[in-house]
PDB file of N, CA and C in Angstrom:
ATOM      1  N   MET A   1     121.180 180.663  -6.560  1.00  0.00           N
ATOM      2  CA  MET A   1     121.021 180.782  -5.111  1.00  0.00           C
ATOM      3  C   MET A   1     120.558 182.181  -4.704  1.00  0.00           C
ATOM      4  N   THR A   2     120.829 183.171  -5.525  1.00  0.00           N
ATOM      5  CA  THR A   2     120.437 184.527  -5.140  1.00  0.00           C
ATOM      6  C   THR A   2     118.928 184.675  -5.064  1.00  0.00           C
ATOM      7  N   ASP A   3     118.186 183.987  -5.944  1.00  0.00           N
ATOM      8  CA  ASP A   3     116.730 184.038  -5.859  1.00  0.00           C
ATOM      9  C   ASP A   3     116.240 183.452  -4.541  1.00  0.00           C
ATOM     10  N   VAL A   4     116.858 182.363  -4.106  1.00  0.00           N
ATOM     11  CA  VAL A   4     116.495 181.740  -2.840  1.00  0.00           C
ATOM     12  C   VAL A   4     116.863 182.669  -1.687  1.00  0.00           C
ATOM     13  N   ASN A   5     118.033 183.295  -1.751  1.00  0.00           N
ATOM     14  CA  ASN A   5     118.428 184.239  -0.700  1.00  0.00           C
ATOM     15  C   ASN A   5     117.456 185.401  -0.608  1.00  0.00           C
ATOM     16  N   THR A   6     117.024 185.911  -1.745  1.00  0.00           N
ATOM     17  CA  THR A   6     116.047 187.006  -1.756  1.00  0.00           C
ATOM     18  C   THR A   6     114.738 186.546  -1.126  1.00  0.00           C
ATOM     19  N   LYS A   7     114.305 185.353  -1.489  1.00  0.00           N
ATOM     20  CA  LYS A   7     113.072 184.798  -0.920  1.00  0.00           C
ATOM     21  C   LYS A   7     113.201 184.650   0.592  1.00  0.00           C
ATOM     22  N   ILE A   8     114.340 184.140   1.053  1.00  0.00           N
ATOM     23  CA  ILE A   8     114.568 183.956   2.488  1.00  0.00           C
ATOM     24  C   ILE A   8     114.559 185.303   3.208  1.00  0.00           C
ATOM     25  N   LYS A   9     115.260 186.281   2.658  1.00  0.00           N
ATOM     26  CA  LYS A   9     115.277 187.620   3.271  1.00  0.00           C
ATOM     27  C   LYS A   9     113.875 188.184   3.363  1.00  0.00           C
ATOM     28  N   ASP A  10     113.079 188.022   2.304  1.00  0.00           N
ATOM     29  CA  ASP A  10     111.702 188.511   2.303  1.00  0.00           C
ATOM     30  C   ASP A  10     110.853 187.795   3.353  1.00  0.00           C
ATOM     31  N   LEU A  11     111.030 186.487   3.471  1.00  0.00           N
ATOM     32  CA  LEU A  11     110.284 185.721   4.472  1.00  0.00           C
ATOM     33  C   LEU A  11     110.659 186.155   5.888  1.00  0.00           C
ATOM     34  N   ILE A  12     111.937 186.320   6.130  1.00  0.00           N
ATOM     35  CA  ILE A  12     112.394 186.741   7.455  1.00  0.00           C
ATOM     36  C   ILE A  12     111.874 188.135   7.799  1.00  0.00           C
ATOM     37  N   ALA A  13     111.797 188.999   6.797  1.00  0.00           N
ATOM     38  CA  ALA A  13     111.316 190.370   7.018  1.00  0.00           C
ATOM     39  C   ALA A  13     109.794 190.444   7.131  1.00  0.00           C
ATOM     40  N   SER A  14     109.094 189.364   6.804  1.00  0.00           N
ATOM     41  CA  SER A  14     107.633 189.391   6.762  1.00  0.00           C
ATOM     42  C   SER A  14     106.983 189.453   8.141  1.00  0.00           C
ATOM     43  N   ASP A  15     107.707 189.120   9.186  1.00  0.00           N
ATOM     44  CA  ASP A  15     107.153 189.100  10.540  1.00  0.00           C
ATOM     45  C   ASP A  15     108.299 189.257  11.533  1.00  0.00           C
ATOM     46  N   ASP A  16     107.981 189.692  12.742  1.00  0.00           N
ATOM     47  CA  ASP A  16     109.011 189.822  13.777  1.00  0.00           C
ATOM     48  C   ASP A  16     109.568 188.473  14.199  1.00  0.00           C
ATOM     49  N   VAL A  17     108.725 187.433  14.173  1.00  0.00           N
ATOM     50  CA  VAL A  17     109.159 186.101  14.587  1.00  0.00           C
ATOM     51  C   VAL A  17     108.824 185.124  13.465  1.00  0.00           C
ATOM     52  N   VAL A  18     109.863 184.493  12.919  1.00  0.00           N
ATOM     53  CA  VAL A  18     109.694 183.567  11.796  1.00  0.00           C
ATOM     54  C   VAL A  18     110.398 182.261  12.151  1.00  0.00           C
ATOM     55  N   LEU A  19     109.665 181.161  11.969  1.00  0.00           N
ATOM     56  CA  LEU A  19     110.213 179.844  12.244  1.00  0.00           C
ATOM     57  C   LEU A  19     110.209 179.016  10.966  1.00  0.00           C
ATOM     58  N   PHE A  20     111.405 178.678  10.498  1.00  0.00           N
ATOM     59  CA  PHE A  20     111.556 177.736   9.397  1.00  0.00           C
ATOM     60  C   PHE A  20     111.531 176.354  10.042  1.00  0.00           C
ATOM     61  N   MET A  21     110.591 175.532   9.605  1.00  0.00           N
ATOM     62  CA  MET A  21     110.358 174.271  10.303  1.00  0.00           C
ATOM     63  C   MET A  21     109.902 173.191   9.341  1.00  0.00           C
ATOM     64  N   LYS A  22     109.854 171.970   9.843  1.00  0.00           N
ATOM     65  CA  LYS A  22     109.287 170.859   9.089  1.00  0.00           C
ATOM     66  C   LYS A  22     107.821 170.752   9.492  1.00  0.00           C
ATOM     67  N   GLY A  23     106.949 171.004   8.528  1.00  0.00           N
ATOM     68  CA  GLY A  23     105.521 171.018   8.803  1.00  0.00           C
ATOM     69  C   GLY A  23     105.049 172.422   9.109  1.00  0.00           C
ATOM     70  N   SER A  24     103.950 172.499   9.853  1.00  0.00           N
ATOM     71  CA  SER A  24     103.364 173.796  10.212  1.00  0.00           C
ATOM     72  C   SER A  24     103.154 173.858  11.716  1.00  0.00           C
ATOM     73  N   LYS A  25     102.856 175.051  12.217  1.00  0.00           N
ATOM     74  CA  LYS A  25     102.643 175.172  13.657  1.00  0.00           C
ATOM     75  C   LYS A  25     101.461 174.331  14.123  1.00  0.00           C
ATOM     76  N   SER A  26     100.475 174.119  13.246  1.00  0.00           N
ATOM     77  CA  SER A  26      99.343 173.290  13.628  1.00  0.00           C
ATOM     78  C   SER A  26      99.607 171.802  13.426  1.00  0.00           C
ATOM     79  N   PHE A  27     100.638 171.470  12.622  1.00  0.00           N
ATOM     80  CA  PHE A  27     100.979 170.071  12.374  1.00  0.00           C
ATOM     81  C   PHE A  27     102.478 169.924  12.124  1.00  0.00           C
ATOM     82  N   PRO A  28     103.283 170.042  13.203  1.00  0.00           N
ATOM     83  CA  PRO A  28     104.734 169.865  13.041  1.00  0.00           C
ATOM     84  C   PRO A  28     105.053 168.452  12.564  1.00  0.00           C
ATOM     85  N   MET A  29     106.053 168.345  11.692  1.00  0.00           N
ATOM     86  CA  MET A  29     106.408 167.053  11.108  1.00  0.00           C
ATOM     87  C   MET A  29     107.676 166.456  11.711  1.00  0.00           C
ATOM     88  N   CYS A  30     108.203 167.066  12.764  1.00  0.00           N
ATOM     89  CA  CYS A  30     109.325 166.462  13.490  1.00  0.00           C
ATOM     90  C   CYS A  30     109.294 166.965  14.930  1.00  0.00           C
ATOM     91  N   GLY A  31     109.895 166.201  15.800  1.00  0.00           N
ATOM     92  CA  GLY A  31     109.884 166.540  17.216  1.00  0.00           C
ATOM     93  C   GLY A  31     110.597 167.839  17.543  1.00  0.00           C
ATOM     94  N   PHE A  32     111.673 168.138  16.824  1.00  0.00           N
ATOM     95  CA  PHE A  32     112.413 169.371  17.086  1.00  0.00           C
ATOM     96  C   PHE A  32     111.568 170.591  16.731  1.00  0.00           C
ATOM     97  N   SER A  33     110.897 170.530  15.586  1.00  0.00           N
ATOM     98  CA  SER A  33     110.007 171.629  15.192  1.00  0.00           C
ATOM     99  C   SER A  33     108.866 171.756  16.194  1.00  0.00           C
ATOM    100  N   ALA A  34     108.309 170.622  16.619  1.00  0.00           N
ATOM    101  CA  ALA A  34     107.209 170.641  17.591  1.00  0.00           C
ATOM    102  C   ALA A  34     107.646 171.278  18.909  1.00  0.00           C
ATOM    103  N   THR A  35     108.870 171.017  19.318  1.00  0.00           N
ATOM    104  CA  THR A  35     109.385 171.587  20.568  1.00  0.00           C
ATOM    105  C   THR A  35     109.457 173.108  20.490  1.00  0.00           C
ATOM    106  N   VAL A  36     109.979 173.640  19.393  1.00  0.00           N
ATOM    107  CA  VAL A  36     110.092 175.097  19.255  1.00  0.00           C
ATOM    108  C   VAL A  36     108.701 175.723  19.170  1.00  0.00           C
ATOM    109  N   VAL A  37     107.788 175.100  18.443  1.00  0.00           N
ATOM    110  CA  VAL A  37     106.408 175.596  18.370  1.00  0.00           C
ATOM    111  C   VAL A  37     105.807 175.654  19.772  1.00  0.00           C
ATOM    112  N   LYS A  38     105.982 174.592  20.541  1.00  0.00           N
ATOM    113  CA  LYS A  38     105.430 174.533  21.897  1.00  0.00           C
ATOM    114  C   LYS A  38     106.001 175.660  22.768  1.00  0.00           C
ATOM    115  N   ILE A  39     107.288 175.917  22.657  1.00  0.00           N
ATOM    116  CA  ILE A  39     107.921 176.989  23.436  1.00  0.00           C
ATOM    117  C   ILE A  39     107.330 178.339  23.056  1.00  0.00           C
ATOM    118  N   LEU A  40     107.221 178.612  21.763  1.00  0.00           N
ATOM    119  CA  LEU A  40     106.667 179.895  21.325  1.00  0.00           C
ATOM    120  C   LEU A  40     105.211 180.035  21.753  1.00  0.00           C
ATOM    121  N   GLN A  41     104.455 178.962  21.684  1.00  0.00           N
ATOM    122  CA  GLN A  41     103.059 179.013  22.116  1.00  0.00           C
ATOM    123  C   GLN A  41     102.965 179.213  23.625  1.00  0.00           C
ATOM    124  N   GLU A  42     103.851 178.592  24.375  1.00  0.00           N
ATOM    125  CA  GLU A  42     103.855 178.762  25.833  1.00  0.00           C
ATOM    126  C   GLU A  42     104.144 180.220  26.210  1.00  0.00           C
ATOM    127  N   LEU A  43     104.995 180.872  25.412  1.00  0.00           N
ATOM    128  CA  LEU A  43     105.295 182.286  25.646  1.00  0.00           C
ATOM    129  C   LEU A  43     104.228 183.202  25.048  1.00  0.00           C
ATOM    130  N   ASN A  44     103.228 182.592  24.404  1.00  0.00           N
ATOM    131  CA  ASN A  44     102.124 183.335  23.784  1.00  0.00           C
ATOM    132  C   ASN A  44     102.628 184.303  22.712  1.00  0.00           C
ATOM    133  N   ILE A  45     103.544 183.795  21.878  1.00  0.00           N
ATOM    134  CA  ILE A  45     104.160 184.592  20.821  1.00  0.00           C
ATOM    135  C   ILE A  45     103.562 184.183  19.480  1.00  0.00           C
ATOM    136  N   GLY A  46     103.027 185.143  18.772  1.00  0.00           N
ATOM    137  CA  GLY A  46     102.579 184.891  17.414  1.00  0.00           C
ATOM    138  C   GLY A  46     103.796 184.798  16.505  1.00  0.00           C
ATOM    139  N   PHE A  47     103.733 183.925  15.515  1.00  0.00           N
ATOM    140  CA  PHE A  47     104.874 183.773  14.617  1.00  0.00           C
ATOM    141  C   PHE A  47     104.418 183.234  13.276  1.00  0.00           C
ATOM    142  N   THR A  48     105.245 183.489  12.281  1.00  0.00           N
ATOM    143  CA  THR A  48     105.027 182.939  10.952  1.00  0.00           C
ATOM    144  C   THR A  48     105.793 181.635  10.845  1.00  0.00           C
ATOM    145  N   ASP A  49     105.098 180.600  10.406  1.00  0.00           N
ATOM    146  CA  ASP A  49     105.744 179.307  10.207  1.00  0.00           C
ATOM    147  C   ASP A  49     105.954 179.075   8.717  1.00  0.00           C
ATOM    148  N   ILE A  50     107.161 178.652   8.381  1.00  0.00           N
ATOM    149  CA  ILE A  50     107.530 178.373   6.994  1.00  0.00           C
ATOM    150  C   ILE A  50     107.869 176.883   6.900  1.00  0.00           C
ATOM    151  N   ASP A  51     107.066 176.138   6.142  1.00  0.00           N
ATOM    152  CA  ASP A  51     107.271 174.705   5.984  1.00  0.00           C
ATOM    153  C   ASP A  51     108.317 174.456   4.895  1.00  0.00           C
ATOM    154  N   ILE A  52     109.516 174.070   5.316  1.00  0.00           N
ATOM    155  CA  ILE A  52     110.601 173.870   4.359  1.00  0.00           C
ATOM    156  C   ILE A  52     110.456 172.552   3.584  1.00  0.00           C
ATOM    157  N   LEU A  53     109.535 171.706   4.014  1.00  0.00           N
ATOM    158  CA  LEU A  53     109.320 170.448   3.301  1.00  0.00           C
ATOM    159  C   LEU A  53     108.616 170.648   1.963  1.00  0.00           C
ATOM    160  N   LYS A  54     108.002 171.805   1.796  1.00  0.00           N
ATOM    161  CA  LYS A  54     107.273 172.091   0.560  1.00  0.00           C
ATOM    162  C   LYS A  54     108.155 172.654  -0.545  1.00  0.00           C
ATOM    163  N   ASP A  55     109.409 173.004  -0.221  1.00  0.00           N
ATOM    164  CA  ASP A  55     110.277 173.663  -1.193  1.00  0.00           C
ATOM    165  C   ASP A  55     111.722 173.235  -0.949  1.00  0.00           C
ATOM    166  N   GLU A  56     112.226 172.338  -1.783  1.00  0.00           N
ATOM    167  CA  GLU A  56     113.583 171.802  -1.609  1.00  0.00           C
ATOM    168  C   GLU A  56     114.650 172.897  -1.696  1.00  0.00           C
ATOM    169  N   ASP A  57     114.460 173.856  -2.617  1.00  0.00           N
ATOM    170  CA  ASP A  57     115.428 174.954  -2.730  1.00  0.00           C
ATOM    171  C   ASP A  57     115.476 175.767  -1.441  1.00  0.00           C
ATOM    172  N   LEU A  58     114.326 176.027  -0.863  1.00  0.00           N
ATOM    173  CA  LEU A  58     114.258 176.761   0.400  1.00  0.00           C
ATOM    174  C   LEU A  58     114.863 175.933   1.530  1.00  0.00           C
ATOM    175  N   ARG A  59     114.583 174.636   1.525  1.00  0.00           N
ATOM    176  CA  ARG A  59     115.104 173.745   2.562  1.00  0.00           C
ATOM    177  C   ARG A  59     116.629 173.768   2.606  1.00  0.00           C
ATOM    178  N   GLU A  60     117.259 173.699   1.454  1.00  0.00           N
ATOM    179  CA  GLU A  60     118.720 173.738   1.403  1.00  0.00           C
ATOM    180  C   GLU A  60     119.244 175.168   1.523  1.00  0.00           C
ATOM    181  N   GLY A  61     118.515 176.104   0.950  1.00  0.00           N
ATOM    182  CA  GLY A  61     118.942 177.503   0.951  1.00  0.00           C
ATOM    183  C   GLY A  61     119.013 178.116   2.334  1.00  0.00           C
ATOM    184  N   ILE A  62     118.068 177.766   3.204  1.00  0.00           N
ATOM    185  CA  ILE A  62     118.067 178.359   4.549  1.00  0.00           C
ATOM    186  C   ILE A  62     119.277 177.870   5.343  1.00  0.00           C
ATOM    187  N   LYS A  63     119.726 176.661   5.081  1.00  0.00           N
ATOM    188  CA  LYS A  63     120.910 176.140   5.774  1.00  0.00           C
ATOM    189  C   LYS A  63     122.165 176.906   5.368  1.00  0.00           C
ATOM    190  N   VAL A  64     122.247 177.258   4.092  1.00  0.00           N
ATOM    191  CA  VAL A  64     123.385 178.036   3.594  1.00  0.00           C
ATOM    192  C   VAL A  64     123.278 179.475   4.098  1.00  0.00           C
ATOM    193  N   TYR A  65     122.080 180.036   4.020  1.00  0.00           N
ATOM    194  CA  TYR A  65     121.847 181.427   4.428  1.00  0.00           C
ATOM    195  C   TYR A  65     122.272 181.662   5.877  1.00  0.00           C
ATOM    196  N   SER A  66     121.881 180.753   6.759  1.00  0.00           N
ATOM    197  CA  SER A  66     122.167 180.915   8.190  1.00  0.00           C
ATOM    198  C   SER A  66     123.508 180.312   8.598  1.00  0.00           C
ATOM    199  N   ASP A  67     124.098 179.509   7.701  1.00  0.00           N
ATOM    200  CA  ASP A  67     125.289 178.727   8.028  1.00  0.00           C
ATOM    201  C   ASP A  67     124.998 177.819   9.226  1.00  0.00           C
ATOM    202  N   TRP A  68     123.788 177.249   9.222  1.00  0.00           N
ATOM    203  CA  TRP A  68     123.323 176.361  10.286  1.00  0.00           C
ATOM    204  C   TRP A  68     122.747 175.117   9.621  1.00  0.00           C
ATOM    205  N   PRO A  69     123.219 173.923   9.962  1.00  0.00           N
ATOM    206  CA  PRO A  69     122.884 172.735   9.176  1.00  0.00           C
ATOM    207  C   PRO A  69     121.527 172.086   9.447  1.00  0.00           C
ATOM    208  N   THR A  70     120.825 172.522  10.477  1.00  0.00           N
ATOM    209  CA  THR A  70     119.602 171.809  10.851  1.00  0.00           C
ATOM    210  C   THR A  70     118.371 172.708  10.845  1.00  0.00           C
ATOM    211  N   ILE A  71     117.234 172.045  10.849  1.00  0.00           N
ATOM    212  CA  ILE A  71     115.930 172.679  10.932  1.00  0.00           C
ATOM    213  C   ILE A  71     115.287 172.143  12.205  1.00  0.00           C
ATOM    214  N   PRO A  72     114.583 172.926  12.973  1.00  0.00           N
ATOM    215  CA  PRO A  72     114.064 174.269  12.717  1.00  0.00           C
ATOM    216  C   PRO A  72     115.116 175.360  12.928  1.00  0.00           C
ATOM    217  N   GLN A  73     114.768 176.546  12.403  1.00  0.00           N
ATOM    218  CA  GLN A  73     115.581 177.741  12.596  1.00  0.00           C
ATOM    219  C   GLN A  73     114.645 178.891  12.961  1.00  0.00           C
ATOM    220  N   LEU A  74     114.965 179.557  14.057  1.00  0.00           N
ATOM    221  CA  LEU A  74     114.144 180.657  14.549  1.00  0.00           C
ATOM    222  C   LEU A  74     114.837 181.990  14.294  1.00  0.00           C
ATOM    223  N   TYR A  75     114.067 182.924  13.741  1.00  0.00           N
ATOM    224  CA  TYR A  75     114.528 184.300  13.514  1.00  0.00           C
ATOM    225  C   TYR A  75     113.619 185.246  14.282  1.00  0.00           C
ATOM    226  N   VAL A  76     114.234 186.206  14.963  1.00  0.00           N
ATOM    227  CA  VAL A  76     113.479 187.238  15.678  1.00  0.00           C
ATOM    228  C   VAL A  76     113.981 188.589  15.208  1.00  0.00           C
ATOM    229  N   LYS A  77     113.063 189.370  14.656  1.00  0.00           N
ATOM    230  CA  LYS A  77     113.371 190.700  14.115  1.00  0.00           C
ATOM    231  C   LYS A  77     114.577 190.643  13.173  1.00  0.00           C
ATOM    232  N   GLY A  78     114.578 189.634  12.310  1.00  0.00           N
ATOM    233  CA  GLY A  78     115.611 189.496  11.300  1.00  0.00           C
ATOM    234  C   GLY A  78     116.882 188.829  11.760  1.00  0.00           C
ATOM    235  N   GLU A  79     116.995 188.555  13.046  1.00  0.00           N
ATOM    236  CA  GLU A  79     118.221 187.960  13.588  1.00  0.00           C
ATOM    237  C   GLU A  79     118.041 186.462  13.815  1.00  0.00           C
ATOM    238  N   PHE A  80     119.006 185.685  13.368  1.00  0.00           N
ATOM    239  CA  PHE A  80     118.975 184.242  13.580  1.00  0.00           C
ATOM    240  C   PHE A  80     119.245 183.945  15.043  1.00  0.00           C
ATOM    241  N   ILE A  81     118.318 183.246  15.692  1.00  0.00           N
ATOM    242  CA  ILE A  81     118.473 182.887  17.101  1.00  0.00           C
ATOM    243  C   ILE A  81     119.137 181.522  17.227  1.00  0.00           C
ATOM    244  N   GLY A  82     118.649 180.539  16.475  1.00  0.00           N
ATOM    245  CA  GLY A  82     119.246 179.215  16.516  1.00  0.00           C
ATOM    246  C   GLY A  82     118.235 178.137  16.225  1.00  0.00           C
ATOM    247  N   GLY A  83     118.669 176.906  16.479  1.00  0.00           N
ATOM    248  CA  GLY A  83     117.825 175.740  16.289  1.00  0.00           C
ATOM    249  C   GLY A  83     117.181 175.330  17.593  1.00  0.00           C
ATOM    250  N   CYS A  84     116.666 174.124  17.612  1.00  0.00           N
ATOM    251  CA  CYS A  84     115.889 173.634  18.749  1.00  0.00           C
ATOM    252  C   CYS A  84     116.664 173.692  20.067  1.00  0.00           C
ATOM    253  N   ASP A  85     117.889 173.187  20.094  1.00  0.00           N
ATOM    254  CA  ASP A  85     118.651 173.143  21.353  1.00  0.00           C
ATOM    255  C   ASP A  85     118.921 174.541  21.893  1.00  0.00           C
ATOM    256  N   ILE A  86     119.281 175.453  21.018  1.00  0.00           N
ATOM    257  CA  ILE A  86     119.557 176.826  21.460  1.00  0.00           C
ATOM    258  C   ILE A  86     118.280 177.492  21.946  1.00  0.00           C
ATOM    259  N   VAL A  87     117.179 177.292  21.230  1.00  0.00           N
ATOM    260  CA  VAL A  87     115.900 177.865  21.648  1.00  0.00           C
ATOM    261  C   VAL A  87     115.495 177.299  23.011  1.00  0.00           C
ATOM    262  N   LYS A  88     115.668 175.991  23.204  1.00  0.00           N
ATOM    263  CA  LYS A  88     115.344 175.380  24.500  1.00  0.00           C
ATOM    264  C   LYS A  88     116.201 175.980  25.620  1.00  0.00           C
ATOM    265  N   ASP A  89     117.488 176.122  25.372  1.00  0.00           N
ATOM    266  CA  ASP A  89     118.383 176.690  26.380  1.00  0.00           C
ATOM    267  C   ASP A  89     118.016 178.136  26.693  1.00  0.00           C
ATOM    268  N   CYS A  90     117.760 178.923  25.654  1.00  0.00           N
ATOM    269  CA  CYS A  90     117.379 180.325  25.855  1.00  0.00           C
ATOM    270  C   CYS A  90     116.055 180.436  26.592  1.00  0.00           C
ATOM    271  N   PHE A  91     115.141 179.524  26.317  1.00  0.00           N
ATOM    272  CA  PHE A  91     113.859 179.498  27.013  1.00  0.00           C
ATOM    273  C   PHE A  91     114.065 179.176  28.496  1.00  0.00           C
ATOM    274  N   ALA A  92     114.898 178.177  28.765  1.00  0.00           N
ATOM    275  CA  ALA A  92     115.141 177.741  30.146  1.00  0.00           C
ATOM    276  C   ALA A  92     115.772 178.834  30.993  1.00  0.00           C
ATOM    277  N   THR A  93     116.630 179.644  30.390  1.00  0.00           N
ATOM    278  CA  THR A  93     117.315 180.700  31.147  1.00  0.00           C
ATOM    279  C   THR A  93     116.523 182.005  31.196  1.00  0.00           C
ATOM    280  N   GLY A  94     115.451 182.090  30.409  1.00  0.00           N
ATOM    281  CA  GLY A  94     114.672 183.325  30.350  1.00  0.00           C
ATOM    282  C   GLY A  94     115.158 184.276  29.269  1.00  0.00           C
ATOM    283  N   GLU A  95     116.263 183.941  28.628  1.00  0.00           N
ATOM    284  CA  GLU A  95     116.828 184.812  27.608  1.00  0.00           C
ATOM    285  C   GLU A  95     115.900 184.955  26.400  1.00  0.00           C
ATOM    286  N   LEU A  96     115.212 183.879  26.025  1.00  0.00           N
ATOM    287  CA  LEU A  96     114.320 183.939  24.869  1.00  0.00           C
ATOM    288  C   LEU A  96     113.185 184.930  25.109  1.00  0.00           C
ATOM    289  N   LYS A  97     112.644 184.928  26.308  1.00  0.00           N
ATOM    290  CA  LYS A  97     111.567 185.865  26.658  1.00  0.00           C
ATOM    291  C   LYS A  97     112.060 187.303  26.522  1.00  0.00           C
ATOM    292  N   GLU A  98     113.289 187.547  26.957  1.00  0.00           N
ATOM    293  CA  GLU A  98     113.889 188.886  26.849  1.00  0.00           C
ATOM    294  C   GLU A  98     114.086 189.272  25.390  1.00  0.00           C
ATOM    295  N   ILE A  99     114.589 188.347  24.573  1.00  0.00           N
ATOM    296  CA  ILE A  99     114.807 188.621  23.149  1.00  0.00           C
ATOM    297  C   ILE A  99     113.479 188.963  22.478  1.00  0.00           C
ATOM    298  N   LEU A 100     112.447 188.197  22.791  1.00  0.00           N
ATOM    299  CA  LEU A 100     111.143 188.412  22.155  1.00  0.00           C
ATOM    300  C   LEU A 100     110.479 189.696  22.634  1.00  0.00           C
ATOM    301  N   ALA A 101     110.787 190.111  23.859  1.00  0.00           N
ATOM    302  CA  ALA A 101     110.187 191.331  24.413  1.00  0.00           C
ATOM    303  C   ALA A 101     110.884 192.591  23.926  1.00  0.00           C
ATOM    304  N   ALA A 102     112.130 192.458  23.485  1.00  0.00           N
ATOM    305  CA  ALA A 102     112.920 193.622  23.085  1.00  0.00           C
ATOM    306  C   ALA A 102     112.372 194.266  21.818  1.00  0.00           C
TER     307      ALA A 102
END
């Protein structure tokens, strides 16, 4: 698991905004991932998308790493923000815009 943790840390550090998702930003493979992509695009935020469907170790590893059982998972500047519901709530209140601007 340490190799997966190292890979996850490196991926999270690779960009200010990283989304672990099913599919890609151009072709989301689930509605929850599509919702988070749409929110980030609406805010005009560039982000790195990581398709967890391509790597089973990464798919399971990110859930352990974040202690969060579902995908998608959004990270901003190395900090775990949450999954789809939390991102939607933060977007609705304006908090997500503040987090991304900080």
